[in-house]
């Protein structure tokens, strides 16, 4: 009987250790991703929402894609009756909240397309966060007159 108690105890202890070794669930989700393509070699804009399901704010620190030579985080800033675009190093997604990248606010500037974009197709973007997590999303390619997903 002692041997089987040890076996049960060992199984319980091992079973309890397995979840601790499993990877934590993703706390970030990217949704409604789309790209506004412009004619020729004009830069395209990337827009999306990032949901943070953790109790701590998390910084979006970069975006990568094989479809463009350059992808940079930008923010449109209003100054009186004019607005300017400024490159930003990070955008903070609030704890248990959402940060929207939309026309007139935060956006991704996509430059140097490696081939012409086709409206109606998708382009993968990989989002990198300050905690090291990476999330890849398929982004719908839309025309120059698009204003939302």
C-alpha atoms as a PDB file:
ATOM      1  CA  UNK A   1       0.000   0.000   0.000  1.00  0.00           C
ATOM      2  CA  UNK A   2       2.878   2.353   0.698  1.00  0.00           C
ATOM      3  CA  UNK A   3       4.173   1.963  -2.854  1.00  0.00           C
ATOM      4  CA  UNK A   4       0.842   2.906  -4.409  1.00  0.00           C
ATOM      5  CA  UNK A   5       0.507   5.938  -2.079  1.00  0.00           C
ATOM      6  CA  UNK A   6       3.960   7.080  -3.245  1.00  0.00           C
ATOM      7  CA  UNK A   7       2.865   6.569  -6.852  1.00  0.00           C
ATOM      8  CA  UNK A   8      -0.305   8.618  -6.313  1.00  0.00           C
ATOM      9  CA  UNK A   9       1.626  11.322  -4.459  1.00  0.00           C
ATOM     10  CA  UNK A  10       4.250  11.425  -7.243  1.00  0.00           C
ATOM     11  CA  UNK A  11       1.521  11.672  -9.903  1.00  0.00           C
ATOM     12  CA  UNK A  12      -0.230  14.472  -8.025  1.00  0.00           C
ATOM     13  CA  UNK A  13       3.006  16.378  -7.550  1.00  0.00           C
ATOM     14  CA  UNK A  14       3.994  15.973 -11.205  1.00  0.00           C
ATOM     15  CA  UNK A  15       0.522  16.885 -12.378  1.00  0.00           C
ATOM     16  CA  UNK A  16       0.662  20.036 -10.303  1.00  0.00           C
ATOM     17  CA  UNK A  17       4.051  20.978 -11.761  1.00  0.00           C
ATOM     18  CA  UNK A  18       3.043  20.656 -15.403  1.00  0.00           C
ATOM     19  CA  UNK A  19       0.803  23.752 -15.517  1.00  0.00           C
ATOM     20  CA  UNK A  20       3.570  25.815 -13.922  1.00  0.00           C
ATOM     21  CA  UNK A  21       5.865  24.870 -16.814  1.00  0.00           C
ATOM     22  CA  UNK A  22       3.307  25.633 -19.524  1.00  0.00           C
ATOM     23  CA  UNK A  23       3.623  28.910 -21.424  1.00  0.00           C
ATOM     24  CA  UNK A  24       1.470  31.731 -20.054  1.00  0.00           C
ATOM     25  CA  UNK A  25      -1.589  32.579 -22.147  1.00  0.00           C
ATOM     26  CA  UNK A  26      -1.253  35.467 -24.577  1.00  0.00           C
ATOM     27  CA  UNK A  27      -2.282  38.681 -22.901  1.00  0.00           C
ATOM     28  CA  UNK A  28      -2.218  40.733 -26.122  1.00  0.00           C
ATOM     29  CA  UNK A  29      -4.500  40.576 -29.118  1.00  0.00           C
ATOM     30  CA  UNK A  30      -4.290  42.563 -32.369  1.00  0.00           C
ATOM     31  CA  UNK A  31      -7.557  42.981 -34.282  1.00  0.00           C
ATOM     32  CA  UNK A  32      -9.127  44.967 -37.135  1.00  0.00           C
ATOM     33  CA  UNK A  33      -5.779  45.347 -38.889  1.00  0.00           C
ATOM     34  CA  UNK A  34      -5.801  47.072 -42.282  1.00  0.00           C
ATOM     35  CA  UNK A  35      -3.449  48.982 -44.548  1.00  0.00           C
ATOM     36  CA  UNK A  36      -4.359  52.031 -46.633  1.00  0.00           C
ATOM     37  CA  UNK A  37      -2.304  51.755 -49.807  1.00  0.00           C
ATOM     38  CA  UNK A  38      -1.439  54.829 -51.836  1.00  0.00           C
ATOM     39  CA  UNK A  39      -0.342  55.091 -55.488  1.00  0.00           C
ATOM     40  CA  UNK A  40       3.254  54.564 -56.566  1.00  0.00           C
ATOM     41  CA  UNK A  41       5.895  54.562 -53.874  1.00  0.00           C
ATOM     42  CA  UNK A  42       3.948  56.801 -51.487  1.00  0.00           C
ATOM     43  CA  UNK A  43       3.992  55.481 -47.900  1.00  0.00           C
ATOM     44  CA  UNK A  44       1.077  53.345 -46.778  1.00  0.00           C
ATOM     45  CA  UNK A  45      -0.594  53.600 -43.380  1.00  0.00           C
ATOM     46  CA  UNK A  46      -1.289  50.687 -41.046  1.00  0.00           C
ATOM     47  CA  UNK A  47      -4.185  50.734 -38.584  1.00  0.00           C
ATOM     48  CA  UNK A  48      -5.388  48.242 -35.942  1.00  0.00           C
ATOM     49  CA  UNK A  49      -6.431  47.816 -32.314  1.00  0.00           C
ATOM     50  CA  UNK A  50      -4.332  46.210 -29.575  1.00  0.00           C
ATOM     51  CA  UNK A  51      -6.106  44.719 -26.567  1.00  0.00           C
ATOM     52  CA  UNK A  52      -4.106  44.178 -23.374  1.00  0.00           C
ATOM     53  CA  UNK A  53      -5.715  41.585 -21.110  1.00  0.00           C
ATOM     54  CA  UNK A  54      -3.145  41.927 -18.314  1.00  0.00           C
ATOM     55  CA  UNK A  55      -3.126  43.999 -15.150  1.00  0.00           C
ATOM     56  CA  UNK A  56      -0.092  45.982 -16.324  1.00  0.00           C
ATOM     57  CA  UNK A  57       0.384  48.480 -19.173  1.00  0.00           C
ATOM     58  CA  UNK A  58       2.460  47.086 -22.042  1.00  0.00           C
ATOM     59  CA  UNK A  59       4.402  49.089 -24.639  1.00  0.00           C
ATOM     60  CA  UNK A  60       4.135  48.388 -28.356  1.00  0.00           C
ATOM     61  CA  UNK A  61       7.740  48.976 -29.420  1.00  0.00           C
ATOM     62  CA  UNK A  62       7.948  47.917 -33.050  1.00  0.00           C
ATOM     63  CA  UNK A  63       6.438  46.352 -36.141  1.00  0.00           C
ATOM     64  CA  UNK A  64       8.066  44.140 -38.758  1.00  0.00           C
ATOM     65  CA  UNK A  65       6.903  42.984 -42.160  1.00  0.00           C
ATOM     66  CA  UNK A  66       8.576  41.433 -45.169  1.00  0.00           C
ATOM     67  CA  UNK A  67       6.259  43.404 -47.485  1.00  0.00           C
ATOM     68  CA  UNK A  68       7.959  46.766 -46.780  1.00  0.00           C
ATOM     69  CA  UNK A  69      11.516  47.962 -46.342  1.00  0.00           C
ATOM     70  CA  UNK A  70      10.536  50.100 -43.360  1.00  0.00           C
ATOM     71  CA  UNK A  71       7.751  50.074 -40.740  1.00  0.00           C
ATOM     72  CA  UNK A  72       7.671  52.835 -38.109  1.00  0.00           C
ATOM     73  CA  UNK A  73       5.308  53.820 -35.313  1.00  0.00           C
ATOM     74  CA  UNK A  74       3.921  57.328 -35.868  1.00  0.00           C
ATOM     75  CA  UNK A  75       1.455  59.655 -34.223  1.00  0.00           C
ATOM     76  CA  UNK A  76      -0.465  62.505 -35.838  1.00  0.00           C
ATOM     77  CA  UNK A  77      -0.310  65.565 -33.593  1.00  0.00           C
ATOM     78  CA  UNK A  78      -2.518  68.623 -33.951  1.00  0.00           C
ATOM     79  CA  UNK A  79      -0.952  72.070 -33.551  1.00  0.00           C
ATOM     80  CA  UNK A  80      -3.600  74.710 -33.955  1.00  0.00           C
ATOM     81  CA  UNK A  81      -5.076  74.361 -37.421  1.00  0.00           C
ATOM     82  CA  UNK A  82      -2.291  72.115 -38.703  1.00  0.00           C
ATOM     83  CA  UNK A  83      -1.236  68.600 -37.882  1.00  0.00           C
ATOM     84  CA  UNK A  84       2.116  66.882 -38.111  1.00  0.00           C
ATOM     85  CA  UNK A  85       3.305  63.304 -37.994  1.00  0.00           C
ATOM     86  CA  UNK A  86       5.973  62.335 -35.503  1.00  0.00           C
ATOM     87  CA  UNK A  87       7.820  59.057 -35.160  1.00  0.00           C
ATOM     88  CA  UNK A  88       7.378  57.512 -31.699  1.00  0.00           C
ATOM     89  CA  UNK A  89       9.525  54.869 -29.999  1.00  0.00           C
ATOM     90  CA  UNK A  90       6.572  53.219 -28.254  1.00  0.00           C
ATOM     91  CA  UNK A  91       2.832  53.363 -27.712  1.00  0.00           C
ATOM     92  CA  UNK A  92       1.515  52.204 -24.354  1.00  0.00           C
ATOM     93  CA  UNK A  93      -1.459  49.843 -24.292  1.00  0.00           C
ATOM     94  CA  UNK A  94      -3.262  50.396 -20.972  1.00  0.00           C
ATOM     95  CA  UNK A  95      -3.786  47.593 -18.461  1.00  0.00           C
ATOM     96  CA  UNK A  96      -7.010  45.712 -19.238  1.00  0.00           C
ATOM     97  CA  UNK A  97      -7.594  48.156 -22.079  1.00  0.00           C
ATOM     98  CA  UNK A  98      -7.337  48.797 -25.798  1.00  0.00           C
ATOM     99  CA  UNK A  99      -5.231  51.168 -27.867  1.00  0.00           C
ATOM    100  CA  UNK A 100      -6.542  52.001 -31.342  1.00  0.00           C
ATOM    101  CA  UNK A 101      -4.292  52.976 -34.238  1.00  0.00           C
ATOM    102  CA  UNK A 102      -6.612  54.943 -36.537  1.00  0.00           C
ATOM    103  CA  UNK A 103      -6.450  57.730 -39.138  1.00  0.00           C
ATOM    104  CA  UNK A 104      -5.678  61.009 -37.385  1.00  0.00           C
ATOM    105  CA  UNK A 105      -3.923  59.367 -34.412  1.00  0.00           C
ATOM    106  CA  UNK A 106      -1.397  56.603 -33.931  1.00  0.00           C
ATOM    107  CA  UNK A 107      -0.566  54.709 -37.118  1.00  0.00           C
ATOM    108  CA  UNK A 108       2.201  52.667 -38.715  1.00  0.00           C
ATOM    109  CA  UNK A 109       4.077  54.317 -41.553  1.00  0.00           C
ATOM    110  CA  UNK A 110       4.925  51.606 -44.106  1.00  0.00           C
ATOM    111  CA  UNK A 111       7.564  52.669 -46.621  1.00  0.00           C
ATOM    112  CA  UNK A 112       9.467  51.100 -49.522  1.00  0.00           C
ATOM    113  CA  UNK A 113       7.012  48.393 -50.622  1.00  0.00           C
ATOM    114  CA  UNK A 114       8.877  45.387 -51.986  1.00  0.00           C
ATOM    115  CA  UNK A 115       6.126  44.846 -54.571  1.00  0.00           C
ATOM    116  CA  UNK A 116       2.887  46.653 -55.426  1.00  0.00           C
ATOM    117  CA  UNK A 117       0.075  45.985 -52.958  1.00  0.00           C
ATOM    118  CA  UNK A 118      -3.146  44.546 -54.305  1.00  0.00           C
ATOM    119  CA  UNK A 119      -6.418  45.818 -52.821  1.00  0.00           C
ATOM    120  CA  UNK A 120      -8.360  42.915 -51.325  1.00  0.00           C
ATOM    121  CA  UNK A 121      -5.284  40.917 -50.296  1.00  0.00           C
ATOM    122  CA  UNK A 122      -3.706  40.678 -46.841  1.00  0.00           C
ATOM    123  CA  UNK A 123      -0.222  41.474 -45.543  1.00  0.00           C
ATOM    124  CA  UNK A 124       1.194  39.975 -42.341  1.00  0.00           C
ATOM    125  CA  UNK A 125       2.551  42.402 -39.727  1.00  0.00           C
ATOM    126  CA  UNK A 126       4.414  41.258 -36.611  1.00  0.00           C
ATOM    127  CA  UNK A 127       3.962  43.457 -33.558  1.00  0.00           C
ATOM    128  CA  UNK A 128       6.712  43.511 -30.904  1.00  0.00           C
ATOM    129  CA  UNK A 129       6.028  44.522 -27.320  1.00  0.00           C
ATOM    130  CA  UNK A 130       8.259  45.713 -24.495  1.00  0.00           C
ATOM    131  CA  UNK A 131       7.882  42.422 -22.621  1.00  0.00           C
ATOM    132  CA  UNK A 132       9.283  40.515 -25.637  1.00  0.00           C
ATOM    133  CA  UNK A 133       5.948  39.126 -26.808  1.00  0.00           C
ATOM    134  CA  UNK A 134       5.317  39.123 -30.556  1.00  0.00           C
ATOM    135  CA  UNK A 135       1.909  38.912 -32.205  1.00  0.00           C
ATOM    136  CA  UNK A 136       1.381  38.452 -35.945  1.00  0.00           C
ATOM    137  CA  UNK A 137      -1.804  39.660 -37.641  1.00  0.00           C
ATOM    138  CA  UNK A 138      -3.043  39.528 -41.227  1.00  0.00           C
ATOM    139  CA  UNK A 139      -3.887  43.057 -42.384  1.00  0.00           C
ATOM    140  CA  UNK A 140      -6.395  43.731 -45.162  1.00  0.00           C
ATOM    141  CA  UNK A 141      -5.142  45.971 -47.983  1.00  0.00           C
ATOM    142  CA  UNK A 142      -7.612  48.761 -48.804  1.00  0.00           C
ATOM    143  CA  UNK A 143      -7.636  51.649 -51.243  1.00  0.00           C
ATOM    144  CA  UNK A 144      -6.637  55.289 -50.720  1.00  0.00           C
ATOM    145  CA  UNK A 145     -10.173  56.383 -49.770  1.00  0.00           C
ATOM    146  CA  UNK A 146     -10.527  53.887 -46.876  1.00  0.00           C
ATOM    147  CA  UNK A 147     -11.050  55.438 -43.451  1.00  0.00           C
ATOM    148  CA  UNK A 148     -11.700  52.376 -41.259  1.00  0.00           C
ATOM    149  CA  UNK A 149     -11.611  48.596 -41.168  1.00  0.00           C
END
